[in-house]
Amino acid sequence: MTPLRAARVTLCPMEEAHRSAVLAILRDPVVARTYMVPEITSQEIEEKLFRHLWSLTRSRERFAWAVCCQGELIGFVHEVERQDDWVELGWALHPLWHGQGFATEAVCAAIEAMFAQGVAEVRAGAFESNPASIRVMEKCGMQPIGLTEQISYRGQQHRCVYRSIRRQEKS
């Protein structure tokens, strides 16, 4: 799989060497507030989560990438759900990299790659309590689609709002 390059990040398949960085992201309490991941209570769960993400980034049937900056894994972006004409995208970056535009670069690059492969619409959802992810969606050109849902996560109810962007047909 050919890496995707943006201004400061590269999207590529996950490597075994990324394991500790991936697990640091999945274990981080800031990430766990908004990126829906099971609680990690054993090495078995860690291994299962890493293997799942690792395999997604190597699949030709799914959209998923490690997000790297200067050779270091800083996060990941991946397909969450797929329907006939749209794909939902999710992402997580280590908090050390938050607030610097890296998520926006990665998500915009992922959207471009998905459109290039024929996806008609890319959607994303975020808890209303996660304005940073909502801003990423806005910066990538995603518009509200009028879809919200209540999600129970880690003992709390969250209102999730959705946005999307459609591929522009060439005239």
N, C-alpha and C. Protein backbone atom coordinates (compact mmCIF):
# COMPACT_ATOMS: atom_id res chain seq x y z
N MET A 1 0.84 -1.18 0.00
CA MET A 1 0.00 0.00 0.00
C MET A 1 0.89 1.24 0.00
N THR A 2 0.64 2.16 -0.91
CA THR A 2 1.44 3.37 -1.04
C THR A 2 1.06 4.36 0.06
N PRO A 3 2.04 4.87 0.79
CA PRO A 3 1.74 5.88 1.82
C PRO A 3 1.13 7.13 1.20
N LEU A 4 0.26 7.78 1.95
CA LEU A 4 -0.34 9.05 1.55
C LEU A 4 0.39 10.16 2.29
N ARG A 5 0.83 11.17 1.56
CA ARG A 5 1.59 12.24 2.19
C ARG A 5 0.77 13.52 2.20
N ALA A 6 0.71 14.16 3.35
CA ALA A 6 0.13 15.49 3.49
C ALA A 6 1.29 16.42 3.85
N ALA A 7 1.00 17.65 4.21
CA ALA A 7 2.07 18.61 4.49
C ALA A 7 3.02 18.12 5.58
N ARG A 8 2.46 17.64 6.71
CA ARG A 8 3.31 17.25 7.84
C ARG A 8 3.12 15.81 8.28
N VAL A 9 2.13 15.13 7.75
CA VAL A 9 1.87 13.75 8.18
C VAL A 9 1.89 12.81 6.98
N THR A 10 2.14 11.55 7.31
CA THR A 10 2.09 10.48 6.33
C THR A 10 1.10 9.45 6.84
N LEU A 11 0.22 9.00 5.97
CA LEU A 11 -0.72 7.93 6.30
C LEU A 11 -0.18 6.66 5.65
N CYS A 12 -0.01 5.61 6.45
CA CYS A 12 0.61 4.38 5.97
C CYS A 12 0.10 3.20 6.78
N PRO A 13 0.43 1.97 6.36
CA PRO A 13 0.06 0.80 7.17
C PRO A 13 0.79 0.83 8.52
N MET A 14 0.14 0.26 9.52
CA MET A 14 0.73 0.14 10.85
C MET A 14 1.81 -0.93 10.82
N GLU A 15 2.85 -0.74 11.62
CA GLU A 15 3.94 -1.70 11.74
C GLU A 15 3.95 -2.28 13.15
N GLU A 16 4.58 -3.43 13.31
CA GLU A 16 4.76 -4.01 14.65
C GLU A 16 5.45 -3.01 15.58
N ALA A 17 6.37 -2.25 15.03
CA ALA A 17 7.12 -1.27 15.83
C ALA A 17 6.22 -0.17 16.39
N HIS A 18 5.02 -0.04 15.87
CA HIS A 18 4.08 0.98 16.34
C HIS A 18 3.28 0.54 17.57
N ARG A 19 3.43 -0.71 17.95
CA ARG A 19 2.60 -1.28 19.02
C ARG A 19 2.54 -0.39 20.27
N SER A 20 3.67 0.00 20.81
CA SER A 20 3.66 0.76 22.07
C SER A 20 2.99 2.12 21.88
N ALA A 21 3.20 2.76 20.75
CA ALA A 21 2.56 4.06 20.49
C ALA A 21 1.05 3.90 20.35
N VAL A 22 0.61 2.85 19.65
CA VAL A 22 -0.83 2.60 19.49
C VAL A 22 -1.46 2.35 20.85
N LEU A 23 -0.83 1.52 21.65
CA LEU A 23 -1.38 1.20 22.97
C LEU A 23 -1.38 2.41 23.89
N ALA A 24 -0.38 3.27 23.77
CA ALA A 24 -0.36 4.50 24.57
C ALA A 24 -1.56 5.37 24.22
N ILE A 25 -1.92 5.42 22.95
CA ILE A 25 -3.09 6.19 22.52
C ILE A 25 -4.36 5.56 23.07
N LEU A 26 -4.49 4.25 22.91
CA LEU A 26 -5.71 3.57 23.35
C LEU A 26 -5.89 3.61 24.86
N ARG A 27 -4.80 3.65 25.61
CA ARG A 27 -4.86 3.70 27.08
C ARG A 27 -5.05 5.10 27.63
N ASP A 28 -4.80 6.11 26.83
CA ASP A 28 -4.80 7.48 27.32
C ASP A 28 -6.20 7.92 27.77
N PRO A 29 -6.33 8.45 28.98
CA PRO A 29 -7.66 8.83 29.47
C PRO A 29 -8.30 9.97 28.68
N VAL A 30 -7.51 10.87 28.11
CA VAL A 30 -8.07 11.94 27.28
C VAL A 30 -8.68 11.35 26.02
N VAL A 31 -7.98 10.44 25.38
CA VAL A 31 -8.48 9.78 24.17
C VAL A 31 -9.73 8.96 24.50
N ALA A 32 -9.67 8.24 25.61
CA ALA A 32 -10.77 7.34 25.98
C ALA A 32 -12.08 8.09 26.27
N ARG A 33 -12.01 9.39 26.51
CA ARG A 33 -13.25 10.16 26.75
C ARG A 33 -14.09 10.28 25.48
N THR A 34 -13.44 10.28 24.31
CA THR A 34 -14.18 10.55 23.08
C THR A 34 -14.00 9.51 21.98
N TYR A 35 -12.93 8.72 22.03
CA TYR A 35 -12.70 7.67 21.04
C TYR A 35 -13.20 6.38 21.67
N MET A 36 -14.26 5.82 21.12
CA MET A 36 -14.93 4.69 21.76
C MET A 36 -14.09 3.43 21.64
N VAL A 37 -13.42 3.12 22.75
CA VAL A 37 -12.53 1.96 22.83
C VAL A 37 -12.88 1.22 24.12
N PRO A 38 -12.86 -0.11 24.08
CA PRO A 38 -13.13 -0.85 25.33
C PRO A 38 -12.06 -0.55 26.38
N GLU A 39 -12.44 -0.67 27.63
CA GLU A 39 -11.44 -0.49 28.68
C GLU A 39 -10.41 -1.60 28.56
N ILE A 40 -9.16 -1.21 28.67
CA ILE A 40 -8.06 -2.17 28.55
C ILE A 40 -7.73 -2.67 29.95
N THR A 41 -8.12 -3.91 30.20
CA THR A 41 -7.92 -4.49 31.53
C THR A 41 -6.97 -5.68 31.52
N SER A 42 -6.44 -6.02 30.34
CA SER A 42 -5.52 -7.16 30.27
C SER A 42 -4.65 -7.04 29.02
N GLN A 43 -3.56 -7.79 29.02
CA GLN A 43 -2.70 -7.84 27.84
C GLN A 43 -3.44 -8.48 26.66
N GLU A 44 -4.35 -9.38 26.96
CA GLU A 44 -5.14 -10.03 25.90
C GLU A 44 -5.98 -8.99 25.15
N ILE A 45 -6.60 -8.08 25.89
CA ILE A 45 -7.40 -7.02 25.25
C ILE A 45 -6.49 -6.10 24.46
N GLU A 46 -5.34 -5.74 25.03
CA GLU A 46 -4.37 -4.91 24.30
C GLU A 46 -4.00 -5.55 22.98
N GLU A 47 -3.65 -6.83 23.04
CA GLU A 47 -3.23 -7.54 21.83
C GLU A 47 -4.35 -7.57 20.80
N LYS A 48 -5.56 -7.84 21.25
CA LYS A 48 -6.70 -7.90 20.34
C LYS A 48 -6.94 -6.54 19.66
N LEU A 49 -6.89 -5.47 20.42
CA LEU A 49 -7.10 -4.13 19.86
C LEU A 49 -6.00 -3.76 18.87
N PHE A 50 -4.75 -4.02 19.25
CA PHE A 50 -3.65 -3.70 18.34
C PHE A 50 -3.77 -4.51 17.06
N ARG A 51 -3.99 -5.81 17.18
CA ARG A 51 -4.10 -6.67 16.00
C ARG A 51 -5.23 -6.22 15.09
N HIS A 52 -6.34 -5.80 15.68
CA HIS A 52 -7.48 -5.33 14.88
C HIS A 52 -7.08 -4.10 14.06
N LEU A 53 -6.51 -3.09 14.71
CA LEU A 53 -6.09 -1.89 13.99
C LEU A 53 -4.99 -2.21 12.98
N TRP A 54 -4.04 -3.03 13.38
CA TRP A 54 -2.95 -3.42 12.48
C TRP A 54 -3.51 -4.07 11.22
N SER A 55 -4.45 -5.00 11.40
CA SER A 55 -5.01 -5.70 10.23
C SER A 55 -5.85 -4.76 9.36
N LEU A 56 -6.56 -3.81 9.98
CA LEU A 56 -7.33 -2.85 9.18
C LEU A 56 -6.43 -2.06 8.25
N THR A 57 -5.25 -1.65 8.74
CA THR A 57 -4.37 -0.82 7.92
C THR A 57 -3.71 -1.63 6.79
N ARG A 58 -3.84 -2.92 6.83
CA ARG A 58 -3.27 -3.77 5.80
C ARG A 58 -4.33 -4.33 4.84
N SER A 59 -5.57 -4.07 5.12
CA SER A 59 -6.67 -4.59 4.31
C SER A 59 -6.89 -3.72 3.07
N ARG A 60 -7.11 -4.37 1.97
CA ARG A 60 -7.46 -3.64 0.75
C ARG A 60 -8.97 -3.38 0.67
N GLU A 61 -9.74 -4.01 1.55
CA GLU A 61 -11.20 -3.85 1.55
C GLU A 61 -11.66 -2.77 2.52
N ARG A 62 -10.78 -2.29 3.37
CA ARG A 62 -11.15 -1.29 4.38
C ARG A 62 -10.23 -0.09 4.25
N PHE A 63 -10.69 1.05 4.73
CA PHE A 63 -9.88 2.26 4.76
C PHE A 63 -9.34 2.44 6.16
N ALA A 64 -8.04 2.39 6.33
CA ALA A 64 -7.41 2.58 7.64
C ALA A 64 -5.92 2.86 7.45
N TRP A 65 -5.42 3.80 8.25
CA TRP A 65 -4.03 4.18 8.14
C TRP A 65 -3.47 4.54 9.51
N ALA A 66 -2.19 4.29 9.70
CA ALA A 66 -1.44 4.88 10.80
C ALA A 66 -1.13 6.31 10.38
N VAL A 67 -1.16 7.23 11.33
CA VAL A 67 -0.81 8.63 11.07
C VAL A 67 0.56 8.86 11.69
N CYS A 68 1.54 9.17 10.84
CA CYS A 68 2.91 9.35 11.31
C CYS A 68 3.40 10.75 11.01
N CYS A 69 4.24 11.25 11.90
CA CYS A 69 4.89 12.55 11.73
C CYS A 69 6.37 12.35 12.03
N GLN A 70 7.19 12.69 11.09
CA GLN A 70 8.64 12.53 11.22
C GLN A 70 9.02 11.13 11.68
N GLY A 71 8.34 10.12 11.10
CA GLY A 71 8.63 8.73 11.38
C GLY A 71 8.02 8.17 12.65
N GLU A 72 7.31 8.99 13.41
CA GLU A 72 6.70 8.57 14.67
C GLU A 72 5.19 8.42 14.51
N LEU A 73 4.63 7.31 14.99
CA LEU A 73 3.18 7.14 14.95
C LEU A 73 2.56 8.08 15.98
N ILE A 74 1.65 8.95 15.50
CA ILE A 74 0.99 9.90 16.39
C ILE A 74 -0.50 9.62 16.51
N GLY A 75 -1.02 8.71 15.67
CA GLY A 75 -2.44 8.39 15.71
C GLY A 75 -2.83 7.44 14.61
N PHE A 76 -4.13 7.35 14.39
CA PHE A 76 -4.66 6.51 13.31
C PHE A 76 -6.00 7.05 12.88
N VAL A 77 -6.35 6.74 11.64
CA VAL A 77 -7.64 7.14 11.06
C VAL A 77 -8.16 5.92 10.33
N HIS A 78 -9.46 5.63 10.48
CA HIS A 78 -9.98 4.38 9.93
C HIS A 78 -11.48 4.42 9.67
N GLU A 79 -11.88 3.52 8.82
CA GLU A 79 -13.29 3.28 8.53
C GLU A 79 -13.96 2.70 9.77
N VAL A 80 -15.12 3.27 10.12
CA VAL A 80 -15.89 2.79 11.25
C VAL A 80 -17.06 1.95 10.75
N GLU A 81 -17.72 2.45 9.72
CA GLU A 81 -18.89 1.77 9.17
C GLU A 81 -18.95 2.07 7.68
N ARG A 82 -19.54 1.13 6.94
CA ARG A 82 -19.70 1.31 5.49
C ARG A 82 -21.11 0.91 5.10
N GLN A 83 -21.73 1.77 4.30
CA GLN A 83 -23.02 1.46 3.69
C GLN A 83 -22.81 1.51 2.18
N ASP A 84 -23.89 1.35 1.43
CA ASP A 84 -23.76 1.29 -0.03
C ASP A 84 -23.04 2.50 -0.63
N ASP A 85 -23.40 3.71 -0.18
CA ASP A 85 -22.83 4.89 -0.83
C ASP A 85 -22.05 5.80 0.12
N TRP A 86 -21.79 5.37 1.33
CA TRP A 86 -21.01 6.20 2.24
C TRP A 86 -20.16 5.34 3.18
N VAL A 87 -19.12 5.99 3.70
CA VAL A 87 -18.22 5.37 4.68
C VAL A 87 -18.10 6.35 5.84
N GLU A 88 -18.20 5.82 7.07
CA GLU A 88 -17.97 6.65 8.26
C GLU A 88 -16.52 6.50 8.68
N LEU A 89 -15.91 7.62 9.01
CA LEU A 89 -14.50 7.67 9.36
C LEU A 89 -14.34 8.03 10.84
N GLY A 90 -13.38 7.41 11.50
CA GLY A 90 -13.05 7.74 12.88
C GLY A 90 -11.55 7.93 13.00
N TRP A 91 -11.12 8.62 14.07
CA TRP A 91 -9.69 8.86 14.24
C TRP A 91 -9.35 9.11 15.70
N ALA A 92 -8.09 8.92 16.01
CA ALA A 92 -7.56 9.23 17.34
C ALA A 92 -6.09 9.60 17.19
N LEU A 93 -5.69 10.64 17.88
CA LEU A 93 -4.29 11.05 17.94
C LEU A 93 -3.89 11.13 19.41
N HIS A 94 -2.63 10.88 19.67
CA HIS A 94 -2.13 11.02 21.04
C HIS A 94 -2.29 12.48 21.45
N PRO A 95 -2.71 12.76 22.69
CA PRO A 95 -2.94 14.13 23.13
C PRO A 95 -1.74 15.07 22.98
N LEU A 96 -0.52 14.54 22.97
CA LEU A 96 0.64 15.41 22.75
C LEU A 96 0.58 16.11 21.40
N TRP A 97 -0.20 15.55 20.48
CA TRP A 97 -0.29 16.07 19.12
C TRP A 97 -1.61 16.81 18.87
N HIS A 98 -2.44 16.95 19.88
CA HIS A 98 -3.72 17.65 19.73
C HIS A 98 -3.50 19.16 19.54
N GLY A 99 -4.46 19.78 18.87
CA GLY A 99 -4.48 21.23 18.76
C GLY A 99 -3.44 21.83 17.83
N GLN A 100 -2.84 21.02 16.97
CA GLN A 100 -1.79 21.52 16.08
C GLN A 100 -2.13 21.31 14.60
N GLY A 101 -3.33 20.84 14.31
CA GLY A 101 -3.75 20.65 12.92
C GLY A 101 -3.40 19.31 12.32
N PHE A 102 -2.77 18.42 13.09
CA PHE A 102 -2.39 17.11 12.55
C PHE A 102 -3.61 16.24 12.22
N ALA A 103 -4.62 16.26 13.07
CA ALA A 103 -5.83 15.48 12.80
C ALA A 103 -6.51 15.98 11.54
N THR A 104 -6.57 17.28 11.37
CA THR A 104 -7.18 17.84 10.17
C THR A 104 -6.44 17.38 8.92
N GLU A 105 -5.12 17.46 8.94
CA GLU A 105 -4.34 17.00 7.78
C GLU A 105 -4.60 15.53 7.48
N ALA A 106 -4.61 14.71 8.53
CA ALA A 106 -4.79 13.27 8.34
C ALA A 106 -6.19 12.96 7.81
N VAL A 107 -7.20 13.56 8.40
CA VAL A 107 -8.58 13.28 7.98
C VAL A 107 -8.83 13.79 6.57
N CYS A 108 -8.35 14.98 6.25
CA CYS A 108 -8.52 15.49 4.89
C CYS A 108 -7.82 14.59 3.86
N ALA A 109 -6.62 14.12 4.19
CA ALA A 109 -5.90 13.21 3.28
C ALA A 109 -6.66 11.90 3.12
N ALA A 110 -7.21 11.39 4.21
CA ALA A 110 -7.99 10.14 4.15
C ALA A 110 -9.23 10.33 3.27
N ILE A 111 -9.91 11.46 3.44
CA ILE A 111 -11.11 11.73 2.63
C ILE A 111 -10.74 11.77 1.14
N GLU A 112 -9.66 12.48 0.81
CA GLU A 112 -9.22 12.55 -0.59
C GLU A 112 -8.93 11.16 -1.15
N ALA A 113 -8.25 10.33 -0.37
CA ALA A 113 -7.93 8.98 -0.82
C ALA A 113 -9.19 8.15 -1.02
N MET A 114 -10.15 8.29 -0.13
CA MET A 114 -11.39 7.53 -0.25
C MET A 114 -12.17 7.98 -1.49
N PHE A 115 -12.24 9.29 -1.73
CA PHE A 115 -12.90 9.79 -2.93
C PHE A 115 -12.20 9.27 -4.19
N ALA A 116 -10.87 9.25 -4.18
CA ALA A 116 -10.10 8.76 -5.32
C ALA A 116 -10.40 7.30 -5.61
N GLN A 117 -10.80 6.56 -4.57
CA GLN A 117 -11.14 5.15 -4.76
C GLN A 117 -12.63 4.93 -4.98
N GLY A 118 -13.38 6.00 -5.19
CA GLY A 118 -14.77 5.86 -5.59
C GLY A 118 -15.83 6.02 -4.52
N VAL A 119 -15.44 6.30 -3.29
CA VAL A 119 -16.43 6.52 -2.24
C VAL A 119 -17.19 7.80 -2.56
N ALA A 120 -18.52 7.77 -2.50
CA ALA A 120 -19.34 8.92 -2.85
C ALA A 120 -19.47 9.92 -1.70
N GLU A 121 -19.50 9.42 -0.47
CA GLU A 121 -19.71 10.29 0.69
C GLU A 121 -18.91 9.76 1.87
N VAL A 122 -18.30 10.67 2.62
CA VAL A 122 -17.58 10.31 3.84
C VAL A 122 -18.29 11.02 4.99
N ARG A 123 -18.61 10.24 6.03
CA ARG A 123 -19.27 10.77 7.22
C ARG A 123 -18.35 10.61 8.42
N ALA A 124 -18.63 11.39 9.44
CA ALA A 124 -17.96 11.23 10.72
C ALA A 124 -18.91 11.70 11.81
N GLY A 125 -18.75 11.12 12.97
CA GLY A 125 -19.56 11.52 14.12
C GLY A 125 -18.66 11.87 15.28
N ALA A 126 -19.15 12.75 16.14
CA ALA A 126 -18.39 13.12 17.34
C ALA A 126 -19.37 13.45 18.45
N PHE A 127 -18.94 13.18 19.66
CA PHE A 127 -19.74 13.61 20.81
C PHE A 127 -19.77 15.15 20.78
N GLU A 128 -20.93 15.71 21.13
CA GLU A 128 -21.03 17.17 21.21
C GLU A 128 -20.00 17.74 22.18
N SER A 129 -19.61 16.95 23.15
CA SER A 129 -18.62 17.38 24.14
C SER A 129 -17.19 17.33 23.60
N ASN A 130 -17.04 17.05 22.31
CA ASN A 130 -15.72 16.97 21.67
C ASN A 130 -15.63 18.01 20.54
N PRO A 131 -15.56 19.29 20.90
CA PRO A 131 -15.54 20.32 19.85
C PRO A 131 -14.32 20.23 18.93
N ALA A 132 -13.22 19.66 19.40
CA ALA A 132 -12.02 19.56 18.55
C ALA A 132 -12.30 18.68 17.33
N SER A 133 -12.96 17.55 17.53
CA SER A 133 -13.27 16.67 16.39
C SER A 133 -14.31 17.31 15.48
N ILE A 134 -15.23 18.04 16.05
CA ILE A 134 -16.22 18.74 15.22
C ILE A 134 -15.51 19.78 14.36
N ARG A 135 -14.52 20.48 14.93
CA ARG A 135 -13.74 21.45 14.14
C ARG A 135 -12.96 20.75 13.02
N VAL A 136 -12.40 19.58 13.30
CA VAL A 136 -11.69 18.83 12.26
C VAL A 136 -12.64 18.55 11.10
N MET A 137 -13.85 18.09 11.42
CA MET A 137 -14.83 17.81 10.37
C MET A 137 -15.12 19.07 9.56
N GLU A 138 -15.34 20.19 10.25
CA GLU A 138 -15.63 21.45 9.55
C GLU A 138 -14.47 21.85 8.64
N LYS A 139 -13.24 21.77 9.15
CA LYS A 139 -12.06 22.17 8.36
C LYS A 139 -11.87 21.28 7.14
N CYS A 140 -12.38 20.04 7.21
CA CYS A 140 -12.28 19.13 6.06
C CYS A 140 -13.48 19.26 5.13
N GLY A 141 -14.32 20.25 5.37
CA GLY A 141 -15.44 20.52 4.47
C GLY A 141 -16.72 19.75 4.77
N MET A 142 -16.76 19.05 5.89
CA MET A 142 -17.96 18.29 6.23
C MET A 142 -19.06 19.22 6.74
N GLN A 143 -20.28 18.92 6.31
CA GLN A 143 -21.45 19.70 6.68
C GLN A 143 -22.39 18.86 7.55
N PRO A 144 -23.15 19.51 8.45
CA PRO A 144 -24.12 18.76 9.26
C PRO A 144 -25.13 18.05 8.36
N ILE A 145 -25.52 16.85 8.75
CA ILE A 145 -26.51 16.10 7.96
C ILE A 145 -27.82 15.92 8.72
N GLY A 146 -27.94 16.58 9.86
CA GLY A 146 -29.18 16.50 10.62
C GLY A 146 -29.37 15.19 11.36
N LEU A 147 -28.31 14.44 11.51
CA LEU A 147 -28.37 13.15 12.21
C LEU A 147 -27.68 13.29 13.55
N THR A 148 -28.39 12.92 14.60
CA THR A 148 -27.80 12.86 15.94
C THR A 148 -28.27 11.56 16.57
N GLU A 149 -27.53 11.11 17.56
CA GLU A 149 -27.98 9.95 18.32
C GLU A 149 -27.42 10.01 19.72
N GLN A 150 -28.13 9.37 20.64
CA GLN A 150 -27.67 9.24 22.01
C GLN A 150 -26.88 7.94 22.11
N ILE A 151 -25.67 8.03 22.62
CA ILE A 151 -24.81 6.86 22.75
C ILE A 151 -24.40 6.72 24.21
N SER A 152 -24.56 5.52 24.72
CA SER A 152 -24.09 5.21 26.07
C SER A 152 -22.67 4.70 25.96
N TYR A 153 -21.75 5.38 26.64
CA TYR A 153 -20.34 5.01 26.58
C TYR A 153 -19.72 5.22 27.95
N ARG A 154 -19.14 4.16 28.48
CA ARG A 154 -18.46 4.18 29.77
C ARG A 154 -19.33 4.79 30.87
N GLY A 155 -20.61 4.37 30.87
CA GLY A 155 -21.52 4.76 31.93
C GLY A 155 -22.13 6.14 31.79
N GLN A 156 -21.90 6.81 30.68
CA GLN A 156 -22.46 8.14 30.47
C GLN A 156 -23.19 8.19 29.13
N GLN A 157 -24.19 9.07 29.07
CA GLN A 157 -24.91 9.31 27.82
C GLN A 157 -24.25 10.47 27.09
N HIS A 158 -24.05 10.28 25.79
CA HIS A 158 -23.42 11.31 24.97
C HIS A 158 -24.30 11.55 23.74
N ARG A 159 -24.44 12.81 23.38
CA ARG A 159 -25.13 13.15 22.13
C ARG A 159 -24.07 13.20 21.04
N CYS A 160 -24.25 12.38 20.04
CA CYS A 160 -23.32 12.31 18.92
C CYS A 160 -23.92 13.04 17.74
N VAL A 161 -23.14 13.93 17.12
CA VAL A 161 -23.57 14.68 15.95
C VAL A 161 -22.76 14.22 14.74
N TYR A 162 -23.40 14.22 13.59
CA TYR A 162 -22.75 13.71 12.38
C TYR A 162 -22.64 14.80 11.32
N ARG A 163 -21.59 14.69 10.55
CA ARG A 163 -21.34 15.56 9.40
C ARG A 163 -20.88 14.69 8.24
N SER A 164 -20.96 15.25 7.04
CA SER A 164 -20.47 14.49 5.88
C SER A 164 -19.99 15.43 4.79
N ILE A 165 -19.29 14.84 3.86
CA ILE A 165 -18.85 15.53 2.65
C ILE A 165 -19.04 14.55 1.50
N ARG A 166 -19.53 15.08 0.38
CA ARG A 166 -19.74 14.27 -0.82
C ARG A 166 -18.67 14.57 -1.86
N ARG A 167 -18.30 13.53 -2.58
CA ARG A 167 -17.34 13.69 -3.67
C ARG A 167 -17.96 14.57 -4.75
N GLN A 168 -17.19 15.50 -5.24
CA GLN A 168 -17.66 16.38 -6.31
C GLN A 168 -17.49 15.65 -7.65
N GLU A 169 -18.55 15.58 -8.38
CA GLU A 169 -18.49 14.94 -9.70
C GLU A 169 -17.81 15.91 -10.67
N LYS A 170 -16.91 15.37 -11.47
CA LYS A 170 -16.23 16.21 -12.47
C LYS A 170 -17.16 16.43 -13.64
N SER A 171 -17.19 17.69 -14.09
CA SER A 171 -18.08 18.00 -15.22
C SER A 171 -17.35 18.09 -16.52
